[in-house]
Amino acid sequence: MDIQTAVEVPLRVDEGGVIRIGESRVTLDAIIADFRRGASPEAIAHHFPVLDLSQVYLVVGYYLQNRESVDAYLTEQQKLAQQARQDFQQAFAGDNTLRTKLLNELTNRQKPR
């Protein structure tokens, strides 16, 4: 009997430096956020049907074995996201045209006819 002892964790870093699961667009951030909220691997796989249950188990196992480095990565991702939000808000601070148009459209759709 040949027992395979090494299993490849389905993680990849995309061109933007974001860790994704397998060939999907699902991020490590999303999987770990679900797990931290108490979701089981089965529930996570249900939330992300593009992933196999085995992929979710491998990613959760990787997180549990490498919590410190994964948490550091997640903290850095949060900082980058916050900076991107601030940059966007500064760039479009005086331009509320699109936002106003979208809010007006939403209001019009919600009015009874």
PDB file of N, CA and C in Angstrom:
ATOM      1  N   MET A   1       0.846  -1.179   0.000  1.00  0.00           N
ATOM      2  CA  MET A   1       0.000   0.000   0.000  1.00  0.00           C
ATOM      3  C   MET A   1       0.884   1.232   0.000  1.00  0.00           C
ATOM      4  N   ASP A   2       0.615   2.121  -0.928  1.00  0.00           N
ATOM      5  CA  ASP A   2       1.381   3.362  -1.040  1.00  0.00           C
ATOM      6  C   ASP A   2       0.578   4.470  -0.378  1.00  0.00           C
ATOM      7  N   ILE A   3       1.103   5.029   0.695  1.00  0.00           N
ATOM      8  CA  ILE A   3       0.412   6.101   1.417  1.00  0.00           C
ATOM      9  C   ILE A   3       1.055   7.429   1.054  1.00  0.00           C
ATOM     10  N   GLN A   4       0.238   8.312   0.523  1.00  0.00           N
ATOM     11  CA  GLN A   4       0.726   9.641   0.163  1.00  0.00           C
ATOM     12  C   GLN A   4       0.656  10.525   1.409  1.00  0.00           C
ATOM     13  N   THR A   5       1.765  11.128   1.797  1.00  0.00           N
ATOM     14  CA  THR A   5       1.784  11.909   3.034  1.00  0.00           C
ATOM     15  C   THR A   5       1.835  13.414   2.802  1.00  0.00           C
ATOM     16  N   ALA A   6       2.140  13.845   1.615  1.00  0.00           N
ATOM     17  CA  ALA A   6       2.171  15.283   1.323  1.00  0.00           C
ATOM     18  C   ALA A   6       0.997  15.633   0.430  1.00  0.00           C
ATOM     19  N   VAL A   7       0.274  16.666   0.832  1.00  0.00           N
ATOM     20  CA  VAL A   7      -0.872  17.125   0.059  1.00  0.00           C
ATOM     21  C   VAL A   7      -0.651  18.595  -0.276  1.00  0.00           C
ATOM     22  N   GLU A   8      -0.872  18.924  -1.515  1.00  0.00           N
ATOM     23  CA  GLU A   8      -0.697  20.309  -1.954  1.00  0.00           C
ATOM     24  C   GLU A   8      -1.914  21.142  -1.559  1.00  0.00           C
ATOM     25  N   VAL A   9      -1.658  22.252  -0.875  1.00  0.00           N
ATOM     26  CA  VAL A   9      -2.732  23.171  -0.488  1.00  0.00           C
ATOM     27  C   VAL A   9      -3.057  24.028  -1.712  1.00  0.00           C
ATOM     28  N   PRO A  10      -4.339  24.114  -2.089  1.00  0.00           N
ATOM     29  CA  PRO A  10      -4.714  24.811  -3.323  1.00  0.00           C
ATOM     30  C   PRO A  10      -4.736  26.333  -3.169  1.00  0.00           C
ATOM     31  N   LEU A  11      -3.570  26.920  -2.931  1.00  0.00           N
ATOM     32  CA  LEU A  11      -3.454  28.371  -2.825  1.00  0.00           C
ATOM     33  C   LEU A  11      -2.569  28.888  -3.939  1.00  0.00           C
ATOM     34  N   ARG A  12      -2.910  30.059  -4.458  1.00  0.00           N
ATOM     35  CA  ARG A  12      -2.077  30.705  -5.463  1.00  0.00           C
ATOM     36  C   ARG A  12      -2.133  32.210  -5.239  1.00  0.00           C
ATOM     37  N   VAL A  13      -1.080  32.873  -5.622  1.00  0.00           N
ATOM     38  CA  VAL A  13      -1.028  34.329  -5.527  1.00  0.00           C
ATOM     39  C   VAL A  13      -1.278  34.890  -6.923  1.00  0.00           C
ATOM     40  N   ASP A  14      -2.295  35.752  -7.045  1.00  0.00           N
ATOM     41  CA  ASP A  14      -2.612  36.305  -8.356  1.00  0.00           C
ATOM     42  C   ASP A  14      -1.690  37.485  -8.681  1.00  0.00           C
ATOM     43  N   GLU A  15      -1.891  38.069  -9.854  1.00  0.00           N
ATOM     44  CA  GLU A  15      -1.018  39.149 -10.326  1.00  0.00           C
ATOM     45  C   GLU A  15      -1.069  40.388  -9.436  1.00  0.00           C
ATOM     46  N   GLY A  16      -2.115  40.526  -8.623  1.00  0.00           N
ATOM     47  CA  GLY A  16      -2.237  41.662  -7.711  1.00  0.00           C
ATOM     48  C   GLY A  16      -1.720  41.367  -6.315  1.00  0.00           C
ATOM     49  N   GLY A  17      -1.186  40.151  -6.114  1.00  0.00           N
ATOM     50  CA  GLY A  17      -0.663  39.791  -4.804  1.00  0.00           C
ATOM     51  C   GLY A  17      -1.710  39.241  -3.849  1.00  0.00           C
ATOM     52  N   VAL A  18      -2.899  38.932  -4.368  1.00  0.00           N
ATOM     53  CA  VAL A  18      -3.995  38.399  -3.548  1.00  0.00           C
ATOM     54  C   VAL A  18      -3.942  36.875  -3.577  1.00  0.00           C
ATOM     55  N   ILE A  19      -4.069  36.265  -2.418  1.00  0.00           N
ATOM     56  CA  ILE A  19      -4.071  34.801  -2.345  1.00  0.00           C
ATOM     57  C   ILE A  19      -5.478  34.298  -2.656  1.00  0.00           C
ATOM     58  N   ARG A  20      -5.549  33.405  -3.635  1.00  0.00           N
ATOM     59  CA  ARG A  20      -6.831  32.841  -4.068  1.00  0.00           C
ATOM     60  C   ARG A  20      -6.791  31.326  -3.930  1.00  0.00           C
ATOM     61  N   ILE A  21      -7.987  30.728  -3.931  1.00  0.00           N
ATOM     62  CA  ILE A  21      -8.123  29.291  -3.755  1.00  0.00           C
ATOM     63  C   ILE A  21      -8.178  28.620  -5.123  1.00  0.00           C
ATOM     64  N   GLY A  22      -7.247  27.702  -5.358  1.00  0.00           N
ATOM     65  CA  GLY A  22      -7.222  26.953  -6.617  1.00  0.00           C
ATOM     66  C   GLY A  22      -7.228  27.886  -7.809  1.00  0.00           C
ATOM     67  N   GLU A  23      -7.986  27.520  -8.815  1.00  0.00           N
ATOM     68  CA  GLU A  23      -8.111  28.351 -10.015  1.00  0.00           C
ATOM     69  C   GLU A  23      -9.296  29.301  -9.917  1.00  0.00           C
ATOM     70  N   SER A  24      -9.957  29.333  -8.760  1.00  0.00           N
ATOM     71  CA  SER A  24     -11.125  30.199  -8.582  1.00  0.00           C
ATOM     72  C   SER A  24     -10.693  31.626  -8.272  1.00  0.00           C
ATOM     73  N   ARG A  25     -11.665  32.506  -8.190  1.00  0.00           N
ATOM     74  CA  ARG A  25     -11.415  33.893  -7.785  1.00  0.00           C
ATOM     75  C   ARG A  25     -11.685  34.081  -6.297  1.00  0.00           C
ATOM     76  N   VAL A  26     -12.067  33.023  -5.609  1.00  0.00           N
ATOM     77  CA  VAL A  26     -12.343  33.090  -4.172  1.00  0.00           C
ATOM     78  C   VAL A  26     -11.036  33.376  -3.437  1.00  0.00           C
ATOM     79  N   THR A  27     -11.094  34.349  -2.522  1.00  0.00           N
ATOM     80  CA  THR A  27      -9.880  34.740  -1.807  1.00  0.00           C
ATOM     81  C   THR A  27      -9.730  33.985  -0.493  1.00  0.00           C
ATOM     82  N   LEU A  28      -8.486  33.900  -0.070  1.00  0.00           N
ATOM     83  CA  LEU A  28      -8.194  33.327   1.242  1.00  0.00           C
ATOM     84  C   LEU A  28      -8.909  34.135   2.315  1.00  0.00           C
ATOM     85  N   ASP A  29      -8.952  35.440   2.135  1.00  0.00           N
ATOM     86  CA  ASP A  29      -9.628  36.331   3.084  1.00  0.00           C
ATOM     87  C   ASP A  29     -11.079  35.894   3.320  1.00  0.00           C
ATOM     88  N   ALA A  30     -11.784  35.583   2.229  1.00  0.00           N
ATOM     89  CA  ALA A  30     -13.198  35.214   2.328  1.00  0.00           C
ATOM     90  C   ALA A  30     -13.385  33.894   3.080  1.00  0.00           C
ATOM     91  N   ILE A  31     -12.525  32.935   2.794  1.00  0.00           N
ATOM     92  CA  ILE A  31     -12.630  31.630   3.453  1.00  0.00           C
ATOM     93  C   ILE A  31     -12.363  31.771   4.945  1.00  0.00           C
ATOM     94  N   ILE A  32     -11.306  32.491   5.301  1.00  0.00           N
ATOM     95  CA  ILE A  32     -10.942  32.634   6.708  1.00  0.00           C
ATOM     96  C   ILE A  32     -11.970  33.477   7.447  1.00  0.00           C
ATOM     97  N   ALA A  33     -12.527  34.480   6.803  1.00  0.00           N
ATOM     98  CA  ALA A  33     -13.580  35.286   7.443  1.00  0.00           C
ATOM     99  C   ALA A  33     -14.775  34.409   7.797  1.00  0.00           C
ATOM    100  N   ASP A  34     -15.189  33.558   6.867  1.00  0.00           N
ATOM    101  CA  ASP A  34     -16.291  32.626   7.135  1.00  0.00           C
ATOM    102  C   ASP A  34     -15.940  31.692   8.293  1.00  0.00           C
ATOM    103  N   PHE A  35     -14.734  31.154   8.258  1.00  0.00           N
ATOM    104  CA  PHE A  35     -14.289  30.229   9.299  1.00  0.00           C
ATOM    105  C   PHE A  35     -14.268  30.915  10.668  1.00  0.00           C
ATOM    106  N   ARG A  36     -13.782  32.139  10.715  1.00  0.00           N
ATOM    107  CA  ARG A  36     -13.734  32.887  11.980  1.00  0.00           C
ATOM    108  C   ARG A  36     -15.121  33.189  12.526  1.00  0.00           C
ATOM    109  N   ARG A  37     -16.098  33.304  11.630  1.00  0.00           N
ATOM    110  CA  ARG A  37     -17.483  33.533  12.062  1.00  0.00           C
ATOM    111  C   ARG A  37     -18.146  32.241  12.546  1.00  0.00           C
ATOM    112  N   GLY A  38     -17.392  31.149  12.486  1.00  0.00           N
ATOM    113  CA  GLY A  38     -17.911  29.889  13.002  1.00  0.00           C
ATOM    114  C   GLY A  38     -18.458  28.938  11.961  1.00  0.00           C
ATOM    115  N   ALA A  39     -18.301  29.268  10.695  1.00  0.00           N
ATOM    116  CA  ALA A  39     -18.799  28.384   9.635  1.00  0.00           C
ATOM    117  C   ALA A  39     -17.926  27.132   9.547  1.00  0.00           C
ATOM    118  N   SER A  40     -18.565  26.009   9.369  1.00  0.00           N
ATOM    119  CA  SER A  40     -17.845  24.747   9.178  1.00  0.00           C
ATOM    120  C   SER A  40     -17.307  24.696   7.747  1.00  0.00           C
ATOM    121  N   PRO A  41     -16.343  23.833   7.477  1.00  0.00           N
ATOM    122  CA  PRO A  41     -15.885  23.680   6.091  1.00  0.00           C
ATOM    123  C   PRO A  41     -17.037  23.327   5.131  1.00  0.00           C
ATOM    124  N   GLU A  42     -17.992  22.531   5.607  1.00  0.00           N
ATOM    125  CA  GLU A  42     -19.150  22.190   4.760  1.00  0.00           C
ATOM    126  C   GLU A  42     -19.962  23.433   4.422  1.00  0.00           C
ATOM    127  N   ALA A  43     -20.184  24.301   5.424  1.00  0.00           N
ATOM    128  CA  ALA A  43     -20.935  25.537   5.189  1.00  0.00           C
ATOM    129  C   ALA A  43     -20.170  26.463   4.254  1.00  0.00           C
ATOM    130  N   ILE A  44     -18.857  26.537   4.442  1.00  0.00           N
ATOM    131  CA  ILE A  44     -18.029  27.384   3.577  1.00  0.00           C
ATOM    132  C   ILE A  44     -18.104  26.888   2.134  1.00  0.00           C
ATOM    133  N   ALA A  45     -18.001  25.583   1.944  1.00  0.00           N
ATOM    134  CA  ALA A  45     -18.098  25.013   0.592  1.00  0.00           C
ATOM    135  C   ALA A  45     -19.464  25.310  -0.015  1.00  0.00           C
ATOM    136  N   HIS A  46     -20.497  25.342   0.819  1.00  0.00           N
ATOM    137  CA  HIS A  46     -21.843  25.682   0.343  1.00  0.00           C
ATOM    138  C   HIS A  46     -21.904  27.156  -0.072  1.00  0.00           C
ATOM    139  N   HIS A  47     -21.234  28.038   0.686  1.00  0.00           N
ATOM    140  CA  HIS A  47     -21.206  29.464   0.362  1.00  0.00           C
ATOM    141  C   HIS A  47     -20.444  29.737  -0.929  1.00  0.00           C
ATOM    142  N   PHE A  48     -19.464  28.888  -1.219  1.00  0.00           N
ATOM    143  CA  PHE A  48     -18.611  29.060  -2.400  1.00  0.00           C
ATOM    144  C   PHE A  48     -18.655  27.786  -3.235  1.00  0.00           C
ATOM    145  N   PRO A  49     -19.732  27.565  -3.983  1.00  0.00           N
ATOM    146  CA  PRO A  49     -19.906  26.303  -4.714  1.00  0.00           C
ATOM    147  C   PRO A  49     -18.822  26.015  -5.757  1.00  0.00           C
ATOM    148  N   VAL A  50     -18.037  26.996  -6.125  1.00  0.00           N
ATOM    149  CA  VAL A  50     -16.952  26.769  -7.078  1.00  0.00           C
ATOM    150  C   VAL A  50     -15.817  25.967  -6.440  1.00  0.00           C
ATOM    151  N   LEU A  51     -15.810  25.875  -5.106  1.00  0.00           N
ATOM    152  CA  LEU A  51     -14.766  25.139  -4.389  1.00  0.00           C
ATOM    153  C   LEU A  51     -15.234  23.742  -4.012  1.00  0.00           C
ATOM    154  N   ASP A  52     -14.308  22.800  -4.037  1.00  0.00           N
ATOM    155  CA  ASP A  52     -14.584  21.456  -3.532  1.00  0.00           C
ATOM    156  C   ASP A  52     -14.442  21.474  -2.016  1.00  0.00           C
ATOM    157  N   LEU A  53     -15.160  20.601  -1.349  1.00  0.00           N
ATOM    158  CA  LEU A  53     -15.065  20.500   0.104  1.00  0.00           C
ATOM    159  C   LEU A  53     -13.630  20.197   0.532  1.00  0.00           C
ATOM    160  N   SER A  54     -12.941  19.359  -0.226  1.00  0.00           N
ATOM    161  CA  SER A  54     -11.558  19.024   0.121  1.00  0.00           C
ATOM    162  C   SER A  54     -10.661  20.257   0.062  1.00  0.00           C
ATOM    163  N   GLN A  55     -10.902  21.152  -0.898  1.00  0.00           N
ATOM    164  CA  GLN A  55     -10.120  22.388  -0.977  1.00  0.00           C
ATOM    165  C   GLN A  55     -10.323  23.234   0.282  1.00  0.00           C
ATOM    166  N   VAL A  56     -11.563  23.323   0.729  1.00  0.00           N
ATOM    167  CA  VAL A  56     -11.863  24.125   1.912  1.00  0.00           C
ATOM    168  C   VAL A  56     -11.167  23.533   3.135  1.00  0.00           C
ATOM    169  N   TYR A  57     -11.245  22.226   3.299  1.00  0.00           N
ATOM    170  CA  TYR A  57     -10.568  21.586   4.433  1.00  0.00           C
ATOM    171  C   TYR A  57      -9.059  21.839   4.393  1.00  0.00           C
ATOM    172  N   LEU A  58      -8.463  21.738   3.210  1.00  0.00           N
ATOM    173  CA  LEU A  58      -7.025  21.966   3.096  1.00  0.00           C
ATOM    174  C   LEU A  58      -6.659  23.407   3.447  1.00  0.00           C
ATOM    175  N   VAL A  59      -7.461  24.358   3.000  1.00  0.00           N
ATOM    176  CA  VAL A  59      -7.186  25.771   3.290  1.00  0.00           C
ATOM    177  C   VAL A  59      -7.373  26.061   4.774  1.00  0.00           C
ATOM    178  N   VAL A  60      -8.434  25.552   5.375  1.00  0.00           N
ATOM    179  CA  VAL A  60      -8.650  25.752   6.813  1.00  0.00           C
ATOM    180  C   VAL A  60      -7.518  25.103   7.603  1.00  0.00           C
ATOM    181  N   GLY A  61      -7.115  23.901   7.219  1.00  0.00           N
ATOM    182  CA  GLY A  61      -5.990  23.235   7.879  1.00  0.00           C
ATOM    183  C   GLY A  61      -4.710  24.037   7.756  1.00  0.00           C
ATOM    184  N   TYR A  62      -4.474  24.589   6.563  1.00  0.00           N
ATOM    185  CA  TYR A  62      -3.297  25.430   6.355  1.00  0.00           C
ATOM    186  C   TYR A  62      -3.343  26.634   7.286  1.00  0.00           C
ATOM    187  N   TYR A  63      -4.511  27.255   7.386  1.00  0.00           N
ATOM    188  CA  TYR A  63      -4.668  28.411   8.271  1.00  0.00           C
ATOM    189  C   TYR A  63      -4.370  28.024   9.723  1.00  0.00           C
ATOM    190  N   LEU A  64      -4.908  26.923  10.167  1.00  0.00           N
ATOM    191  CA  LEU A  64      -4.700  26.504  11.554  1.00  0.00           C
ATOM    192  C   LEU A  64      -3.229  26.201  11.844  1.00  0.00           C
ATOM    193  N   GLN A  65      -2.506  25.709  10.856  1.00  0.00           N
ATOM    194  CA  GLN A  65      -1.090  25.397  11.048  1.00  0.00           C
ATOM    195  C   GLN A  65      -0.170  26.611  10.841  1.00  0.00           C
ATOM    196  N   ASN A  66      -0.692  27.643  10.204  1.00  0.00           N
ATOM    197  CA  ASN A  66       0.125  28.819   9.867  1.00  0.00           C
ATOM    198  C   ASN A  66      -0.587  30.113  10.260  1.00  0.00           C
ATOM    199  N   ARG A  67      -1.264  30.060  11.388  1.00  0.00           N
ATOM    200  CA  ARG A  67      -2.130  31.171  11.795  1.00  0.00           C
ATOM    201  C   ARG A  67      -1.387  32.513  11.832  1.00  0.00           C
ATOM    202  N   GLU A  68      -0.192  32.518  12.381  1.00  0.00           N
ATOM    203  CA  GLU A  68       0.533  33.783  12.536  1.00  0.00           C
ATOM    204  C   GLU A  68       0.821  34.442  11.188  1.00  0.00           C
ATOM    205  N   SER A  69       1.331  33.685  10.245  1.00  0.00           N
ATOM    206  CA  SER A  69       1.653  34.273   8.942  1.00  0.00           C
ATOM    207  C   SER A  69       0.394  34.619   8.147  1.00  0.00           C
ATOM    208  N   VAL A  70      -0.648  33.794   8.243  1.00  0.00           N
ATOM    209  CA  VAL A  70      -1.893  34.098   7.538  1.00  0.00           C
ATOM    210  C   VAL A  70      -2.542  35.334   8.148  1.00  0.00           C
ATOM    211  N   ASP A  71      -2.548  35.448   9.478  1.00  0.00           N
ATOM    212  CA  ASP A  71      -3.119  36.635  10.124  1.00  0.00           C
ATOM    213  C   ASP A  71      -2.359  37.896   9.722  1.00  0.00           C
ATOM    214  N   ALA A  72      -1.032  37.801   9.595  1.00  0.00           N
ATOM    215  CA  ALA A  72      -0.234  38.949   9.151  1.00  0.00           C
ATOM    216  C   ALA A  72      -0.626  39.345   7.721  1.00  0.00           C
ATOM    217  N   TYR A  73      -0.812  38.360   6.853  1.00  0.00           N
ATOM    218  CA  TYR A  73      -1.248  38.619   5.482  1.00  0.00           C
ATOM    219  C   TYR A  73      -2.623  39.293   5.474  1.00  0.00           C
ATOM    220  N   LEU A  74      -3.553  38.769   6.274  1.00  0.00           N
ATOM    221  CA  LEU A  74      -4.902  39.332   6.313  1.00  0.00           C
ATOM    222  C   LEU A  74      -4.890  40.764   6.838  1.00  0.00           C
ATOM    223  N   THR A  75      -4.059  41.035   7.831  1.00  0.00           N
ATOM    224  CA  THR A  75      -3.936  42.396   8.361  1.00  0.00           C
ATOM    225  C   THR A  75      -3.416  43.336   7.275  1.00  0.00           C
ATOM    226  N   GLU A  76      -2.428  42.889   6.533  1.00  0.00           N
ATOM    227  CA  GLU A  76      -1.884  43.707   5.437  1.00  0.00           C
ATOM    228  C   GLU A  76      -2.944  43.951   4.362  1.00  0.00           C
ATOM    229  N   GLN A  77      -3.735  42.944   4.039  1.00  0.00           N
ATOM    230  CA  GLN A  77      -4.810  43.096   3.048  1.00  0.00           C
ATOM    231  C   GLN A  77      -5.839  44.124   3.521  1.00  0.00           C
ATOM    232  N   GLN A  78      -6.161  44.098   4.810  1.00  0.00           N
ATOM    233  CA  GLN A  78      -7.105  45.072   5.362  1.00  0.00           C
ATOM    234  C   GLN A  78      -6.555  46.487   5.248  1.00  0.00           C
ATOM    235  N   LYS A  79      -5.267  46.658   5.520  1.00  0.00           N
ATOM    236  CA  LYS A  79      -4.635  47.976   5.402  1.00  0.00           C
ATOM    237  C   LYS A  79      -4.675  48.458   3.954  1.00  0.00           C
ATOM    238  N   LEU A  80      -4.372  47.561   3.019  1.00  0.00           N
ATOM    239  CA  LEU A  80      -4.402  47.925   1.603  1.00  0.00           C
ATOM    240  C   LEU A  80      -5.813  48.318   1.159  1.00  0.00           C
ATOM    241  N   ALA A  81      -6.804  47.587   1.630  1.00  0.00           N
ATOM    242  CA  ALA A  81      -8.196  47.894   1.279  1.00  0.00           C
ATOM    243  C   ALA A  81      -8.611  49.252   1.845  1.00  0.00           C
ATOM    244  N   GLN A  82      -8.221  49.525   3.080  1.00  0.00           N
ATOM    245  CA  GLN A  82      -8.544  50.813   3.701  1.00  0.00           C
ATOM    246  C   GLN A  82      -7.870  51.951   2.936  1.00  0.00           C
ATOM    247  N   GLN A  83      -6.633  51.759   2.546  1.00  0.00           N
ATOM    248  CA  GLN A  83      -5.918  52.786   1.780  1.00  0.00           C
ATOM    249  C   GLN A  83      -6.582  53.011   0.431  1.00  0.00           C
ATOM    250  N   ALA A  84      -7.011  51.943  -0.226  1.00  0.00           N
ATOM    251  CA  ALA A  84      -7.689  52.065  -1.515  1.00  0.00           C
ATOM    252  C   ALA A  84      -8.996  52.833  -1.366  1.00  0.00           C
ATOM    253  N   ARG A  85      -9.741  52.562  -0.282  1.00  0.00           N
ATOM    254  CA  ARG A  85     -10.987  53.309  -0.025  1.00  0.00           C
ATOM    255  C   ARG A  85     -10.700  54.788   0.168  1.00  0.00           C
ATOM    256  N   GLN A  86      -9.680  55.094   0.962  1.00  0.00           N
ATOM    257  CA  GLN A  86      -9.325  56.495   1.206  1.00  0.00           C
ATOM    258  C   GLN A  86      -8.891  57.181  -0.088  1.00  0.00           C
ATOM    259  N   ASP A  87      -8.080  56.501  -0.878  1.00  0.00           N
ATOM    260  CA  ASP A  87      -7.631  57.068  -2.152  1.00  0.00           C
ATOM    261  C   ASP A  87      -8.820  57.340  -3.068  1.00  0.00           C
ATOM    262  N   PHE A  88      -9.747  56.409  -3.128  1.00  0.00           N
ATOM    263  CA  PHE A  88     -10.936  56.569  -3.966  1.00  0.00           C
ATOM    264  C   PHE A  88     -11.776  57.741  -3.485  1.00  0.00           C
ATOM    265  N   GLN A  89     -11.994  57.818  -2.173  1.00  0.00           N
ATOM    266  CA  GLN A  89     -12.797  58.909  -1.620  1.00  0.00           C
ATOM    267  C   GLN A  89     -12.156  60.266  -1.892  1.00  0.00           C
ATOM    268  N   GLN A  90     -10.843  60.340  -1.776  1.00  0.00           N
ATOM    269  CA  GLN A  90     -10.154  61.595  -2.060  1.00  0.00           C
ATOM    270  C   GLN A  90     -10.241  61.946  -3.539  1.00  0.00           C
ATOM    271  N   ALA A  91     -10.083  60.964  -4.391  1.00  0.00           N
ATOM    272  CA  ALA A  91     -10.101  61.208  -5.832  1.00  0.00           C
ATOM    273  C   ALA A  91     -11.464  61.679  -6.317  1.00  0.00           C
ATOM    274  N   PHE A  92     -12.521  61.197  -5.667  1.00  0.00           N
ATOM    275  CA  PHE A  92     -13.872  61.523  -6.123  1.00  0.00           C
ATOM    276  C   PHE A  92     -14.670  62.309  -5.083  1.00  0.00           C
ATOM    277  N   ALA A  93     -13.975  62.979  -4.174  1.00  0.00           N
ATOM    278  CA  ALA A  93     -14.637  63.706  -3.083  1.00  0.00           C
ATOM    279  C   ALA A  93     -15.596  64.773  -3.595  1.00  0.00           C
ATOM    280  N   GLY A  94     -15.216  65.504  -4.621  1.00  0.00           N
ATOM    281  CA  GLY A  94     -16.064  66.582  -5.112  1.00  0.00           C
ATOM    282  C   GLY A  94     -17.015  66.159  -6.211  1.00  0.00           C
ATOM    283  N   ASP A  95     -16.947  64.932  -6.645  1.00  0.00           N
ATOM    284  CA  ASP A  95     -17.756  64.471  -7.771  1.00  0.00           C
ATOM    285  C   ASP A  95     -18.819  63.494  -7.289  1.00  0.00           C
ATOM    286  N   ASN A  96     -19.971  64.026  -6.946  1.00  0.00           N
ATOM    287  CA  ASN A  96     -21.082  63.200  -6.470  1.00  0.00           C
ATOM    288  C   ASN A  96     -22.109  62.944  -7.568  1.00  0.00           C
ATOM    289  N   THR A  97     -21.755  63.268  -8.799  1.00  0.00           N
ATOM    290  CA  THR A  97     -22.700  63.136  -9.905  1.00  0.00           C
ATOM    291  C   THR A  97     -23.220  61.715 -10.050  1.00  0.00           C
ATOM    292  N   LEU A  98     -22.330  60.755 -10.142  1.00  0.00           N
ATOM    293  CA  LEU A  98     -22.746  59.363 -10.319  1.00  0.00           C
ATOM    294  C   LEU A  98     -23.523  58.875  -9.112  1.00  0.00           C
ATOM    295  N   ARG A  99     -23.032  59.183  -7.911  1.00  0.00           N
ATOM    296  CA  ARG A  99     -23.713  58.751  -6.692  1.00  0.00           C
ATOM    297  C   ARG A  99     -25.126  59.330  -6.632  1.00  0.00           C
ATOM    298  N   THR A 100     -25.256  60.608  -6.933  1.00  0.00           N
ATOM    299  CA  THR A 100     -26.566  61.261  -6.920  1.00  0.00           C
ATOM    300  C   THR A 100     -27.499  60.622  -7.942  1.00  0.00           C
ATOM    301  N   LYS A 101     -26.973  60.373  -9.147  1.00  0.00           N
ATOM    302  CA  LYS A 101     -27.776  59.747 -10.202  1.00  0.00           C
ATOM    303  C   LYS A 101     -28.259  58.356  -9.775  1.00  0.00           C
ATOM    304  N   LEU A 102     -27.362  57.547  -9.170  1.00  0.00           N
ATOM    305  CA  LEU A 102     -27.731  56.209  -8.734  1.00  0.00           C
ATOM    306  C   LEU A 102     -28.753  56.246  -7.591  1.00  0.00           C
ATOM    307  N   LEU A 103     -28.571  57.163  -6.662  1.00  0.00           N
ATOM    308  CA  LEU A 103     -29.534  57.288  -5.558  1.00  0.00           C
ATOM    309  C   LEU A 103     -30.897  57.731  -6.068  1.00  0.00           C
ATOM    310  N   ASN A 104     -30.930  58.646  -7.023  1.00  0.00           N
ATOM    311  CA  ASN A 104     -32.200  59.075  -7.620  1.00  0.00           C
ATOM    312  C   ASN A 104     -32.891  57.916  -8.327  1.00  0.00           C
ATOM    313  N   GLU A 105     -32.111  57.122  -9.059  1.00  0.00           N
ATOM    314  CA  GLU A 105     -32.670  55.956  -9.752  1.00  0.00           C
ATOM    315  C   GLU A 105     -33.241  54.953  -8.758  1.00  0.00           C
ATOM    316  N   LEU A 106     -32.529  54.725  -7.688  1.00  0.00           N
ATOM    317  CA  LEU A 106     -33.004  53.817  -6.646  1.00  0.00           C
ATOM    318  C   LEU A 106     -34.287  54.319  -6.016  1.00  0.00           C
ATOM    319  N   THR A 107     -34.355  55.604  -5.740  1.00  0.00           N
ATOM    320  CA  THR A 107     -35.564  56.216  -5.159  1.00  0.00           C
ATOM    321  C   THR A 107     -36.737  56.061  -6.108  1.00  0.00           C
ATOM    322  N   ASN A 108     -36.497  56.317  -7.393  1.00  0.00           N
ATOM    323  CA  ASN A 108     -37.573  56.213  -8.387  1.00  0.00           C
ATOM    324  C   ASN A 108     -38.088  54.778  -8.500  1.00  0.00           C
ATOM    325  N   ARG A 109     -37.206  53.813  -8.395  1.00  0.00           N
ATOM    326  CA  ARG A 109     -37.626  52.407  -8.491  1.00  0.00           C
ATOM    327  C   ARG A 109     -38.433  51.964  -7.274  1.00  0.00           C
ATOM    328  N   GLN A 110     -38.182  52.603  -6.143  1.00  0.00           N
ATOM    329  CA  GLN A 110     -38.863  52.211  -4.900  1.00  0.00           C
ATOM    330  C   GLN A 110     -40.238  52.877  -4.761  1.00  0.00           C
ATOM    331  N   LYS A 111     -40.521  53.877  -5.551  1.00  0.00           N
ATOM    332  CA  LYS A 111     -41.825  54.552  -5.486  1.00  0.00           C
ATOM    333  C   LYS A 111     -42.914  53.631  -6.012  1.00  0.00           C
ATOM    334  N   PRO A 112     -44.060  53.586  -5.300  1.00  0.00           N
ATOM    335  CA  PRO A 112     -45.165  52.766  -5.805  1.00  0.00           C
ATOM    336  C   PRO A 112     -45.723  53.369  -7.102  1.00  0.00           C
ATOM    337  N   ARG A 113     -46.133  52.493  -7.968  1.00  0.00           N
ATOM    338  CA  ARG A 113     -46.657  52.960  -9.275  1.00  0.00           C
ATOM    339  C   ARG A 113     -48.120  52.762  -9.362  1.00  0.00           C
TER     340      ARG A 113
END
